[in-house]
Amino acid sequence: VPADQIIDAARESFNIPKLDRWVTRQACKTAAQWTASGIAFESLSVNLCAETLLDPTFHGWFSECLKEENIDSKLIDFEIVESSFFTNIDVAIKAIYKLRRLGVTFSLDDFGTGFSSLSYLRQLPIDKIKIDRSFIDGVEREPDSAAMCASIVSVSHELGLRVIAEGIETELQLVTLRALRCDEVQGYFLSRPLPLTKATQFLLEHQAMPKHIKAG
């Protein structure tokens, strides 16, 4: 079942906060399992919907979750989309700052698909941006796409942000993004989505994977 259908159904039934907490808990459990198994990984990314980000009780719940699962908070990276800021940007920014004080990081997902602008990045307390796959498709053969990606990478680095390219499907795209100094990549060229057991095996087999490749 496509993820967007699941999210739409959860939103219509008012179950988004419950779903987000379940996914966050599973990510923490997985992080604990991988750490105990000696698997080296930078972080696990968890998509956080606006309803959860703006929920004043989420911070306390997540703080307890970290303690109960006994993991280092830096192993969790929350991914949000810019629509998270539309309802109340001041409240959203305060919520992010509060969660970041626990040690987690934040990524801005699907950058470039909405009203995103490079100047907009200065306002947000985030650590990474993810270039939407619509910019990546054709980056290896279209000068305009390459120029856009190069600009995003350059400005992001000036702001102290790491950049992740989504939707890498060919080796040439990987080589191109590496040349543009993109920090991390993800996409089918590296791996299709995997269940936990296969993802664990994948990481065990790729412990020597270069730092610029995001496997997860």
N, C-alpha and C. Protein backbone atom coordinates (compact mmCIF):
# COMPACT_ATOMS: atom_id res chain seq x y z
N VAL A 1 0.86 -1.18 0.00
CA VAL A 1 0.00 0.00 0.00
C VAL A 1 0.90 1.23 0.00
N PRO A 2 0.74 2.13 -0.96
CA PRO A 2 1.57 3.34 -1.03
C PRO A 2 1.47 4.16 0.26
N ALA A 3 2.61 4.75 0.65
CA ALA A 3 2.67 5.51 1.90
C ALA A 3 1.66 6.65 1.95
N ASP A 4 1.45 7.33 0.80
CA ASP A 4 0.52 8.46 0.82
C ASP A 4 -0.91 8.01 1.13
N GLN A 5 -1.28 6.80 0.70
CA GLN A 5 -2.61 6.29 1.02
C GLN A 5 -2.75 5.99 2.51
N ILE A 6 -1.68 5.44 3.09
CA ILE A 6 -1.70 5.16 4.52
C ILE A 6 -1.85 6.45 5.31
N ILE A 7 -1.08 7.46 4.93
CA ILE A 7 -1.10 8.73 5.66
C ILE A 7 -2.46 9.41 5.50
N ASP A 8 -3.02 9.37 4.29
CA ASP A 8 -4.34 9.96 4.07
C ASP A 8 -5.39 9.28 4.93
N ALA A 9 -5.34 7.94 4.99
CA ALA A 9 -6.30 7.19 5.80
C ALA A 9 -6.13 7.51 7.28
N ALA A 10 -4.87 7.62 7.72
CA ALA A 10 -4.60 7.94 9.13
C ALA A 10 -5.08 9.34 9.47
N ARG A 11 -4.90 10.26 8.53
CA ARG A 11 -5.34 11.64 8.79
C ARG A 11 -6.85 11.73 8.84
N GLU A 12 -7.53 11.04 7.94
CA GLU A 12 -9.00 11.06 7.91
C GLU A 12 -9.60 10.44 9.17
N SER A 13 -8.90 9.48 9.76
CA SER A 13 -9.40 8.81 10.97
C SER A 13 -8.78 9.41 12.24
N PHE A 14 -8.07 10.54 12.08
CA PHE A 14 -7.46 11.25 13.20
C PHE A 14 -6.46 10.38 13.97
N ASN A 15 -5.75 9.53 13.24
CA ASN A 15 -4.78 8.63 13.87
C ASN A 15 -3.33 8.99 13.58
N ILE A 16 -3.09 10.15 12.97
CA ILE A 16 -1.72 10.55 12.65
C ILE A 16 -0.82 10.59 13.89
N PRO A 17 -1.23 11.25 14.98
CA PRO A 17 -0.35 11.27 16.16
C PRO A 17 -0.03 9.88 16.68
N LYS A 18 -1.01 8.99 16.69
CA LYS A 18 -0.79 7.62 17.16
C LYS A 18 0.18 6.89 16.23
N LEU A 19 0.01 7.08 14.92
CA LEU A 19 0.89 6.44 13.95
C LEU A 19 2.32 6.96 14.08
N ASP A 20 2.47 8.27 14.22
CA ASP A 20 3.80 8.86 14.36
C ASP A 20 4.52 8.33 15.59
N ARG A 21 3.79 8.20 16.69
CA ARG A 21 4.42 7.70 17.91
C ARG A 21 4.82 6.23 17.77
N TRP A 22 3.98 5.46 17.10
CA TRP A 22 4.33 4.04 16.88
C TRP A 22 5.59 3.93 16.04
N VAL A 23 5.66 4.70 14.95
CA VAL A 23 6.83 4.65 14.07
C VAL A 23 8.08 5.12 14.81
N THR A 24 7.94 6.19 15.59
CA THR A 24 9.07 6.70 16.37
C THR A 24 9.57 5.66 17.36
N ARG A 25 8.64 4.99 18.03
CA ARG A 25 9.01 3.95 18.99
C ARG A 25 9.76 2.81 18.28
N GLN A 26 9.25 2.39 17.12
CA GLN A 26 9.90 1.31 16.38
C GLN A 26 11.30 1.72 15.93
N ALA A 27 11.46 2.98 15.54
CA ALA A 27 12.78 3.47 15.14
C ALA A 27 13.75 3.43 16.32
N CYS A 28 13.28 3.82 17.49
CA CYS A 28 14.13 3.79 18.68
C CYS A 28 14.51 2.35 19.03
N LYS A 29 13.55 1.44 18.94
CA LYS A 29 13.83 0.03 19.21
C LYS A 29 14.87 -0.52 18.22
N THR A 30 14.72 -0.15 16.95
CA THR A 30 15.65 -0.61 15.92
C THR A 30 17.04 -0.04 16.16
N ALA A 31 17.11 1.24 16.52
CA ALA A 31 18.40 1.88 16.81
C ALA A 31 19.10 1.16 17.96
N ALA A 32 18.31 0.80 18.98
CA ALA A 32 18.88 0.07 20.12
C ALA A 32 19.38 -1.30 19.69
N GLN A 33 18.61 -1.97 18.85
CA GLN A 33 18.98 -3.30 18.37
C GLN A 33 20.26 -3.25 17.54
N TRP A 34 20.34 -2.29 16.61
CA TRP A 34 21.53 -2.17 15.77
C TRP A 34 22.75 -1.81 16.59
N THR A 35 22.58 -0.91 17.56
CA THR A 35 23.71 -0.51 18.40
C THR A 35 24.23 -1.71 19.19
N ALA A 36 23.31 -2.47 19.75
CA ALA A 36 23.70 -3.66 20.53
C ALA A 36 24.39 -4.70 19.65
N SER A 37 24.05 -4.72 18.36
CA SER A 37 24.65 -5.70 17.44
C SER A 37 25.96 -5.20 16.85
N GLY A 38 26.36 -3.99 17.23
CA GLY A 38 27.62 -3.44 16.73
C GLY A 38 27.54 -2.90 15.32
N ILE A 39 26.34 -2.62 14.83
CA ILE A 39 26.16 -2.08 13.49
C ILE A 39 26.39 -0.57 13.52
N ALA A 40 27.30 -0.10 12.69
CA ALA A 40 27.58 1.33 12.62
C ALA A 40 26.60 2.01 11.67
N PHE A 41 25.91 3.03 12.16
CA PHE A 41 25.01 3.82 11.31
C PHE A 41 24.93 5.22 11.88
N GLU A 42 24.68 6.17 11.00
CA GLU A 42 24.68 7.57 11.43
C GLU A 42 23.40 7.91 12.18
N SER A 43 22.26 7.58 11.60
CA SER A 43 20.99 7.90 12.25
C SER A 43 19.85 7.18 11.53
N LEU A 44 18.72 7.12 12.17
CA LEU A 44 17.49 6.62 11.57
C LEU A 44 16.56 7.81 11.36
N SER A 45 16.03 7.92 10.17
CA SER A 45 15.15 9.05 9.85
C SER A 45 13.70 8.68 10.10
N VAL A 46 12.98 9.58 10.74
CA VAL A 46 11.57 9.37 11.06
C VAL A 46 10.76 10.55 10.53
N ASN A 47 9.81 10.28 9.65
CA ASN A 47 8.94 11.34 9.16
C ASN A 47 7.97 11.76 10.24
N LEU A 48 7.91 13.06 10.50
CA LEU A 48 7.06 13.60 11.55
C LEU A 48 6.04 14.54 10.92
N CYS A 49 4.76 14.21 11.08
CA CYS A 49 3.70 15.05 10.51
C CYS A 49 3.51 16.31 11.35
N ALA A 50 2.91 17.32 10.74
CA ALA A 50 2.71 18.60 11.42
C ALA A 50 1.89 18.44 12.69
N GLU A 51 0.87 17.57 12.64
CA GLU A 51 0.02 17.37 13.82
C GLU A 51 0.82 16.92 15.03
N THR A 52 1.82 16.07 14.78
CA THR A 52 2.64 15.56 15.87
C THR A 52 3.65 16.60 16.33
N LEU A 53 4.28 17.27 15.38
CA LEU A 53 5.25 18.32 15.71
C LEU A 53 4.62 19.38 16.60
N LEU A 54 3.36 19.74 16.30
CA LEU A 54 2.69 20.81 17.04
C LEU A 54 1.97 20.31 18.29
N ASP A 55 2.02 19.01 18.54
CA ASP A 55 1.39 18.43 19.73
C ASP A 55 2.26 18.73 20.95
N PRO A 56 1.77 19.52 21.92
CA PRO A 56 2.60 19.91 23.07
C PRO A 56 3.01 18.74 23.96
N THR A 57 2.36 17.59 23.82
CA THR A 57 2.70 16.44 24.66
C THR A 57 3.76 15.54 24.02
N PHE A 58 4.09 15.79 22.76
CA PHE A 58 5.01 14.87 22.07
C PHE A 58 6.41 14.94 22.66
N HIS A 59 6.87 16.12 23.03
CA HIS A 59 8.22 16.27 23.56
C HIS A 59 8.42 15.40 24.79
N GLY A 60 7.48 15.46 25.73
CA GLY A 60 7.59 14.66 26.95
C GLY A 60 7.54 13.18 26.66
N TRP A 61 6.65 12.79 25.74
CA TRP A 61 6.54 11.38 25.38
C TRP A 61 7.83 10.88 24.74
N PHE A 62 8.39 11.67 23.84
CA PHE A 62 9.61 11.25 23.15
C PHE A 62 10.79 11.19 24.11
N SER A 63 10.87 12.13 25.03
CA SER A 63 11.94 12.12 26.02
C SER A 63 11.92 10.82 26.83
N GLU A 64 10.72 10.40 27.21
CA GLU A 64 10.58 9.14 27.95
C GLU A 64 10.91 7.94 27.06
N CYS A 65 10.54 8.02 25.79
CA CYS A 65 10.82 6.95 24.84
C CYS A 65 12.33 6.72 24.71
N LEU A 66 13.09 7.80 24.64
CA LEU A 66 14.55 7.68 24.55
C LEU A 66 15.11 6.97 25.77
N LYS A 67 14.58 7.31 26.94
CA LYS A 67 15.06 6.69 28.18
C LYS A 67 14.67 5.21 28.23
N GLU A 68 13.43 4.91 27.87
CA GLU A 68 12.95 3.53 27.94
C GLU A 68 13.69 2.61 26.98
N GLU A 69 14.00 3.13 25.80
CA GLU A 69 14.70 2.30 24.81
C GLU A 69 16.22 2.38 24.97
N ASN A 70 16.66 3.30 25.82
CA ASN A 70 18.08 3.45 26.16
C ASN A 70 18.96 3.65 24.93
N ILE A 71 18.62 4.68 24.15
CA ILE A 71 19.43 5.00 22.97
C ILE A 71 19.92 6.44 23.02
N ASP A 72 20.98 6.68 22.28
CA ASP A 72 21.51 8.03 22.14
C ASP A 72 20.58 8.81 21.22
N SER A 73 20.13 9.97 21.66
CA SER A 73 19.16 10.76 20.88
C SER A 73 19.69 11.17 19.52
N LYS A 74 21.03 11.27 19.37
CA LYS A 74 21.59 11.69 18.08
C LYS A 74 21.35 10.66 16.98
N LEU A 75 20.88 9.47 17.36
CA LEU A 75 20.60 8.43 16.37
C LEU A 75 19.25 8.62 15.68
N ILE A 76 18.48 9.61 16.12
CA ILE A 76 17.17 9.87 15.52
C ILE A 76 17.19 11.21 14.78
N ASP A 77 16.76 11.17 13.54
CA ASP A 77 16.63 12.39 12.73
C ASP A 77 15.18 12.52 12.29
N PHE A 78 14.52 13.59 12.69
CA PHE A 78 13.14 13.81 12.31
C PHE A 78 13.07 14.54 10.98
N GLU A 79 12.32 13.98 10.05
CA GLU A 79 12.11 14.62 8.75
C GLU A 79 10.74 15.30 8.74
N ILE A 80 10.72 16.57 8.36
CA ILE A 80 9.48 17.33 8.28
C ILE A 80 9.39 17.97 6.90
N VAL A 81 8.19 18.31 6.50
CA VAL A 81 7.98 19.02 5.24
C VAL A 81 7.60 20.45 5.56
N GLU A 82 7.76 21.33 4.57
CA GLU A 82 7.55 22.75 4.86
C GLU A 82 6.11 23.09 5.25
N SER A 83 5.16 22.24 4.88
CA SER A 83 3.77 22.50 5.26
C SER A 83 3.59 22.44 6.78
N SER A 84 4.57 21.85 7.48
CA SER A 84 4.53 21.80 8.93
C SER A 84 4.55 23.20 9.54
N PHE A 85 5.02 24.18 8.77
CA PHE A 85 5.15 25.53 9.29
C PHE A 85 3.98 26.43 8.91
N PHE A 86 3.08 25.95 8.05
CA PHE A 86 2.04 26.82 7.52
C PHE A 86 1.02 27.23 8.57
N THR A 87 0.67 26.30 9.48
CA THR A 87 -0.37 26.62 10.46
C THR A 87 0.09 27.69 11.43
N ASN A 88 1.26 27.50 12.00
CA ASN A 88 1.80 28.47 12.95
C ASN A 88 3.31 28.32 12.97
N ILE A 89 3.99 29.14 12.19
CA ILE A 89 5.43 28.98 12.03
C ILE A 89 6.18 29.20 13.33
N ASP A 90 5.73 30.15 14.17
CA ASP A 90 6.41 30.42 15.43
C ASP A 90 6.33 29.22 16.38
N VAL A 91 5.13 28.62 16.47
CA VAL A 91 4.95 27.46 17.33
C VAL A 91 5.77 26.28 16.83
N ALA A 92 5.79 26.09 15.50
CA ALA A 92 6.55 24.99 14.91
C ALA A 92 8.03 25.14 15.18
N ILE A 93 8.56 26.34 15.02
CA ILE A 93 9.99 26.57 15.25
C ILE A 93 10.34 26.34 16.71
N LYS A 94 9.49 26.80 17.62
CA LYS A 94 9.73 26.57 19.05
C LYS A 94 9.73 25.08 19.38
N ALA A 95 8.81 24.34 18.75
CA ALA A 95 8.72 22.89 18.98
C ALA A 95 10.00 22.19 18.51
N ILE A 96 10.53 22.63 17.35
CA ILE A 96 11.75 22.03 16.82
C ILE A 96 12.94 22.33 17.75
N TYR A 97 13.05 23.59 18.18
CA TYR A 97 14.14 23.93 19.09
C TYR A 97 14.09 23.09 20.36
N LYS A 98 12.88 22.89 20.88
CA LYS A 98 12.71 22.13 22.11
C LYS A 98 13.15 20.68 21.92
N LEU A 99 12.76 20.07 20.79
CA LEU A 99 13.16 18.69 20.50
C LEU A 99 14.66 18.59 20.23
N ARG A 100 15.21 19.59 19.57
CA ARG A 100 16.65 19.56 19.27
C ARG A 100 17.48 19.61 20.54
N ARG A 101 16.94 20.22 21.59
CA ARG A 101 17.68 20.26 22.85
C ARG A 101 17.83 18.87 23.46
N LEU A 102 17.01 17.92 23.01
CA LEU A 102 17.16 16.53 23.45
C LEU A 102 18.32 15.84 22.72
N GLY A 103 18.78 16.46 21.63
CA GLY A 103 19.92 15.91 20.89
C GLY A 103 19.60 15.37 19.51
N VAL A 104 18.32 15.39 19.12
CA VAL A 104 17.96 14.89 17.79
C VAL A 104 18.29 15.93 16.73
N THR A 105 18.29 15.50 15.48
CA THR A 105 18.47 16.42 14.37
C THR A 105 17.18 16.50 13.56
N PHE A 106 17.11 17.51 12.69
CA PHE A 106 15.94 17.71 11.84
C PHE A 106 16.36 17.89 10.39
N SER A 107 15.59 17.26 9.50
CA SER A 107 15.80 17.43 8.06
C SER A 107 14.53 18.00 7.43
N LEU A 108 14.71 18.87 6.45
CA LEU A 108 13.59 19.40 5.69
C LEU A 108 13.42 18.55 4.45
N ASP A 109 12.33 17.80 4.38
CA ASP A 109 12.11 16.83 3.31
C ASP A 109 11.49 17.50 2.08
N ASP A 110 11.71 16.89 0.92
CA ASP A 110 11.09 17.32 -0.35
C ASP A 110 11.35 18.79 -0.65
N PHE A 111 12.56 19.26 -0.38
CA PHE A 111 12.87 20.67 -0.62
C PHE A 111 12.71 21.01 -2.10
N GLY A 112 12.02 22.11 -2.35
CA GLY A 112 11.83 22.59 -3.71
C GLY A 112 10.48 22.28 -4.32
N THR A 113 9.63 21.51 -3.61
CA THR A 113 8.35 21.11 -4.20
C THR A 113 7.21 22.07 -3.86
N GLY A 114 7.39 22.87 -2.84
CA GLY A 114 6.31 23.78 -2.44
C GLY A 114 6.72 25.22 -2.62
N PHE A 115 6.72 25.96 -1.53
CA PHE A 115 7.09 27.37 -1.59
C PHE A 115 8.52 27.58 -1.10
N SER A 116 9.29 26.51 -1.06
CA SER A 116 10.66 26.59 -0.55
C SER A 116 11.48 27.59 -1.35
N SER A 117 12.32 28.31 -0.65
CA SER A 117 13.29 29.17 -1.29
C SER A 117 14.57 29.09 -0.48
N LEU A 118 15.69 29.41 -1.11
CA LEU A 118 16.96 29.31 -0.41
C LEU A 118 17.01 30.29 0.76
N SER A 119 16.40 31.47 0.61
CA SER A 119 16.40 32.45 1.69
C SER A 119 15.56 31.97 2.87
N TYR A 120 14.57 31.14 2.58
CA TYR A 120 13.67 30.59 3.60
C TYR A 120 14.43 29.72 4.59
N LEU A 121 15.53 29.13 4.13
CA LEU A 121 16.28 28.21 4.98
C LEU A 121 16.88 28.91 6.19
N ARG A 122 17.15 30.20 6.08
CA ARG A 122 17.77 30.92 7.19
C ARG A 122 16.89 30.93 8.43
N GLN A 123 15.58 30.84 8.24
CA GLN A 123 14.65 30.96 9.36
C GLN A 123 14.47 29.66 10.13
N LEU A 124 14.83 28.54 9.54
CA LEU A 124 14.45 27.25 10.10
C LEU A 124 15.57 26.60 10.90
N PRO A 125 15.26 26.10 12.09
CA PRO A 125 16.28 25.43 12.93
C PRO A 125 16.46 23.97 12.51
N ILE A 126 17.01 23.76 11.31
CA ILE A 126 17.18 22.42 10.77
C ILE A 126 18.66 22.13 10.56
N ASP A 127 18.96 20.85 10.35
CA ASP A 127 20.34 20.42 10.18
C ASP A 127 20.64 19.96 8.76
N LYS A 128 19.61 19.47 8.06
CA LYS A 128 19.81 18.93 6.71
C LYS A 128 18.62 19.33 5.83
N ILE A 129 18.86 19.36 4.54
CA ILE A 129 17.76 19.47 3.59
C ILE A 129 17.85 18.32 2.60
N LYS A 130 16.71 17.87 2.14
CA LYS A 130 16.65 16.78 1.18
C LYS A 130 16.12 17.33 -0.14
N ILE A 131 16.96 17.30 -1.16
CA ILE A 131 16.56 17.80 -2.48
C ILE A 131 15.56 16.82 -3.08
N ASP A 132 14.39 17.32 -3.45
CA ASP A 132 13.36 16.46 -4.00
C ASP A 132 13.82 15.79 -5.29
N ARG A 133 13.32 14.59 -5.49
CA ARG A 133 13.73 13.80 -6.66
C ARG A 133 13.39 14.48 -7.98
N SER A 134 12.45 15.40 -7.98
CA SER A 134 12.10 16.10 -9.23
C SER A 134 13.28 16.91 -9.75
N PHE A 135 14.19 17.33 -8.87
CA PHE A 135 15.40 18.03 -9.29
C PHE A 135 16.48 17.04 -9.73
N ILE A 136 16.45 15.85 -9.16
CA ILE A 136 17.48 14.86 -9.44
C ILE A 136 17.25 14.18 -10.78
N ASP A 137 15.98 13.99 -11.14
CA ASP A 137 15.66 13.35 -12.41
C ASP A 137 16.17 14.21 -13.57
N GLY A 138 17.20 13.76 -14.23
CA GLY A 138 17.79 14.51 -15.33
C GLY A 138 19.02 15.30 -14.96
N VAL A 139 19.45 15.24 -13.68
CA VAL A 139 20.59 16.04 -13.24
C VAL A 139 21.86 15.68 -14.00
N GLU A 140 21.95 14.42 -14.48
CA GLU A 140 23.16 13.98 -15.16
C GLU A 140 23.21 14.41 -16.63
N ARG A 141 22.09 14.92 -17.15
CA ARG A 141 22.08 15.28 -18.57
C ARG A 141 21.49 16.66 -18.86
N GLU A 142 20.86 17.29 -17.88
CA GLU A 142 20.24 18.59 -18.08
C GLU A 142 20.99 19.66 -17.29
N PRO A 143 21.63 20.60 -17.99
CA PRO A 143 22.40 21.65 -17.30
C PRO A 143 21.58 22.44 -16.29
N ASP A 144 20.31 22.69 -16.59
CA ASP A 144 19.48 23.47 -15.66
C ASP A 144 19.29 22.73 -14.34
N SER A 145 19.03 21.43 -14.41
CA SER A 145 18.86 20.63 -13.19
C SER A 145 20.15 20.60 -12.38
N ALA A 146 21.26 20.43 -13.07
CA ALA A 146 22.54 20.40 -12.39
C ALA A 146 22.85 21.73 -11.73
N ALA A 147 22.51 22.82 -12.43
CA ALA A 147 22.76 24.16 -11.89
C ALA A 147 21.91 24.41 -10.64
N MET A 148 20.65 23.96 -10.67
CA MET A 148 19.78 24.12 -9.51
C MET A 148 20.33 23.34 -8.31
N CYS A 149 20.72 22.10 -8.55
CA CYS A 149 21.26 21.29 -7.47
C CYS A 149 22.56 21.90 -6.92
N ALA A 150 23.40 22.39 -7.81
CA ALA A 150 24.65 23.01 -7.38
C ALA A 150 24.39 24.23 -6.50
N SER A 151 23.37 25.01 -6.87
CA SER A 151 23.03 26.21 -6.09
C SER A 151 22.51 25.83 -4.70
N ILE A 152 21.64 24.81 -4.67
CA ILE A 152 21.09 24.36 -3.39
C ILE A 152 22.20 23.86 -2.47
N VAL A 153 23.11 23.06 -3.03
CA VAL A 153 24.21 22.52 -2.24
C VAL A 153 25.10 23.64 -1.73
N SER A 154 25.44 24.58 -2.60
CA SER A 154 26.35 25.66 -2.23
C SER A 154 25.77 26.52 -1.11
N VAL A 155 24.54 26.98 -1.28
CA VAL A 155 23.93 27.84 -0.27
C VAL A 155 23.72 27.08 1.04
N SER A 156 23.30 25.83 0.94
CA SER A 156 23.08 25.03 2.15
C SER A 156 24.38 24.88 2.94
N HIS A 157 25.47 24.62 2.24
CA HIS A 157 26.75 24.49 2.91
C HIS A 157 27.17 25.80 3.57
N GLU A 158 26.87 26.91 2.91
CA GLU A 158 27.19 28.21 3.50
C GLU A 158 26.41 28.43 4.79
N LEU A 159 25.22 27.83 4.87
CA LEU A 159 24.38 27.95 6.06
C LEU A 159 24.67 26.86 7.09
N GLY A 160 25.64 26.01 6.78
CA GLY A 160 26.01 24.96 7.71
C GLY A 160 25.09 23.75 7.68
N LEU A 161 24.39 23.55 6.57
CA LEU A 161 23.45 22.44 6.44
C LEU A 161 24.03 21.34 5.57
N ARG A 162 23.74 20.08 5.93
CA ARG A 162 24.08 18.96 5.07
C ARG A 162 22.98 18.78 4.03
N VAL A 163 23.34 18.21 2.89
CA VAL A 163 22.39 18.05 1.79
C VAL A 163 22.28 16.58 1.40
N ILE A 164 21.03 16.13 1.27
CA ILE A 164 20.74 14.75 0.87
C ILE A 164 19.97 14.80 -0.45
N ALA A 165 20.39 14.05 -1.42
CA ALA A 165 19.68 13.97 -2.70
C ALA A 165 18.79 12.75 -2.70
N GLU A 166 17.52 12.94 -3.01
CA GLU A 166 16.55 11.84 -3.05
C GLU A 166 16.41 11.30 -4.48
N GLY A 167 16.06 10.04 -4.57
CA GLY A 167 15.70 9.48 -5.87
C GLY A 167 16.84 9.13 -6.79
N ILE A 168 17.99 8.74 -6.23
CA ILE A 168 19.12 8.32 -7.06
C ILE A 168 18.83 6.94 -7.65
N GLU A 169 18.77 6.87 -8.97
CA GLU A 169 18.41 5.60 -9.62
C GLU A 169 19.49 5.07 -10.55
N THR A 170 20.53 5.87 -10.83
CA THR A 170 21.60 5.40 -11.72
C THR A 170 22.96 5.77 -11.15
N GLU A 171 23.98 5.06 -11.61
CA GLU A 171 25.33 5.36 -11.18
C GLU A 171 25.77 6.74 -11.65
N LEU A 172 25.33 7.14 -12.84
CA LEU A 172 25.70 8.45 -13.37
C LEU A 172 25.12 9.57 -12.50
N GLN A 173 23.91 9.38 -12.01
CA GLN A 173 23.34 10.37 -11.09
C GLN A 173 24.18 10.47 -9.82
N LEU A 174 24.60 9.32 -9.31
CA LEU A 174 25.44 9.29 -8.11
C LEU A 174 26.75 10.04 -8.35
N VAL A 175 27.39 9.76 -9.47
CA VAL A 175 28.65 10.42 -9.81
C VAL A 175 28.46 11.92 -9.94
N THR A 176 27.35 12.33 -10.58
CA THR A 176 27.06 13.76 -10.77
C THR A 176 26.86 14.46 -9.45
N LEU A 177 26.06 13.86 -8.55
CA LEU A 177 25.81 14.48 -7.25
C LEU A 177 27.07 14.52 -6.41
N ARG A 178 27.93 13.52 -6.56
CA ARG A 178 29.20 13.54 -5.85
C ARG A 178 30.05 14.72 -6.34
N ALA A 179 30.05 14.94 -7.64
CA ALA A 179 30.81 16.06 -8.21
C ALA A 179 30.25 17.41 -7.75
N LEU A 180 28.95 17.45 -7.48
CA LEU A 180 28.32 18.69 -7.01
C LEU A 180 28.46 18.89 -5.50
N ARG A 181 29.21 17.99 -4.85
CA ARG A 181 29.52 18.04 -3.42
C ARG A 181 28.30 17.78 -2.53
N CYS A 182 27.36 17.01 -3.03
CA CYS A 182 26.23 16.60 -2.20
C CYS A 182 26.73 15.65 -1.12
N ASP A 183 26.24 15.82 0.11
CA ASP A 183 26.78 15.06 1.25
C ASP A 183 26.30 13.61 1.30
N GLU A 184 25.02 13.39 1.01
CA GLU A 184 24.44 12.05 1.11
C GLU A 184 23.45 11.85 -0.03
N VAL A 185 23.21 10.59 -0.34
CA VAL A 185 22.21 10.28 -1.36
C VAL A 185 21.38 9.10 -0.90
N GLN A 186 20.18 8.98 -1.46
CA GLN A 186 19.35 7.81 -1.22
C GLN A 186 18.54 7.53 -2.47
N GLY A 187 18.16 6.29 -2.63
CA GLY A 187 17.37 5.95 -3.81
C GLY A 187 17.52 4.49 -4.20
N TYR A 188 16.77 4.09 -5.21
CA TYR A 188 16.74 2.70 -5.64
C TYR A 188 18.09 2.19 -6.13
N PHE A 189 18.98 3.09 -6.57
CA PHE A 189 20.29 2.64 -7.03
C PHE A 189 21.05 1.97 -5.88
N LEU A 190 20.81 2.44 -4.66
CA LEU A 190 21.45 1.85 -3.49
C LEU A 190 20.66 0.67 -2.96
N SER A 191 19.35 0.87 -2.82
CA SER A 191 18.49 -0.21 -2.33
C SER A 191 17.04 0.22 -2.42
N ARG A 192 16.19 -0.72 -2.72
CA ARG A 192 14.75 -0.49 -2.60
C ARG A 192 14.38 -0.63 -1.12
N PRO A 193 13.17 -0.21 -0.73
CA PRO A 193 12.75 -0.36 0.67
C PRO A 193 12.86 -1.82 1.11
N LEU A 194 13.33 -2.01 2.35
CA LEU A 194 13.55 -3.36 2.86
C LEU A 194 12.86 -3.56 4.20
N PRO A 195 12.38 -4.77 4.48
CA PRO A 195 11.89 -5.07 5.83
C PRO A 195 13.08 -5.06 6.79
N LEU A 196 12.80 -5.00 8.09
CA LEU A 196 13.85 -4.83 9.08
C LEU A 196 14.94 -5.88 8.99
N THR A 197 14.58 -7.15 8.85
CA THR A 197 15.60 -8.20 8.84
C THR A 197 16.55 -8.04 7.66
N LYS A 198 16.00 -7.70 6.49
CA LYS A 198 16.84 -7.52 5.31
C LYS A 198 17.64 -6.22 5.38
N ALA A 199 17.05 -5.18 5.98
CA ALA A 199 17.78 -3.92 6.14
C ALA A 199 18.97 -4.13 7.07
N THR A 200 18.76 -4.90 8.13
CA THR A 200 19.85 -5.21 9.07
C THR A 200 20.97 -5.95 8.34
N GLN A 201 20.62 -6.93 7.53
CA GLN A 201 21.62 -7.68 6.77
C GLN A 201 22.34 -6.79 5.78
N PHE A 202 21.59 -5.88 5.15
CA PHE A 202 22.18 -4.94 4.19
C PHE A 202 23.26 -4.11 4.86
N LEU A 203 22.96 -3.60 6.06
CA LEU A 203 23.93 -2.77 6.77
C LEU A 203 25.16 -3.59 7.18
N LEU A 204 24.93 -4.81 7.60
CA LEU A 204 26.05 -5.67 7.98
C LEU A 204 26.99 -5.92 6.80
N GLU A 205 26.40 -6.01 5.61
CA GLU A 205 27.19 -6.29 4.41
C GLU A 205 27.86 -5.05 3.85
N HIS A 206 27.42 -3.87 4.32
CA HIS A 206 27.94 -2.62 3.74
C HIS A 206 28.53 -1.70 4.82
N GLN A 207 29.16 -2.28 5.81
CA GLN A 207 29.75 -1.46 6.87
C GLN A 207 30.86 -0.55 6.37
N ALA A 208 31.48 -0.91 5.24
CA ALA A 208 32.54 -0.09 4.69
C ALA A 208 32.02 0.90 3.66
N MET A 209 30.69 1.09 3.59
CA MET A 209 30.12 1.99 2.59
C MET A 209 30.62 3.41 2.80
N PRO A 210 30.97 4.14 1.74
CA PRO A 210 31.47 5.51 1.86
C PRO A 210 30.49 6.40 2.63
N LYS A 211 31.05 7.38 3.33
CA LYS A 211 30.25 8.25 4.18
C LYS A 211 29.19 9.03 3.41
N HIS A 212 29.44 9.33 2.13
CA HIS A 212 28.51 10.18 1.39
C HIS A 212 27.27 9.41 0.94
N ILE A 213 27.25 8.09 1.19
CA ILE A 213 26.10 7.30 0.79
C ILE A 213 25.21 7.04 2.01
N LYS A 214 23.95 7.34 1.88
CA LYS A 214 23.00 7.14 2.97
C LYS A 214 22.25 5.84 2.73
N ALA A 215 22.51 4.85 3.52
CA ALA A 215 21.85 3.56 3.34
C ALA A 215 20.77 3.40 4.41
N GLY A 216 19.59 3.88 4.13
CA GLY A 216 18.54 3.77 5.12
C GLY A 216 17.43 4.74 4.84
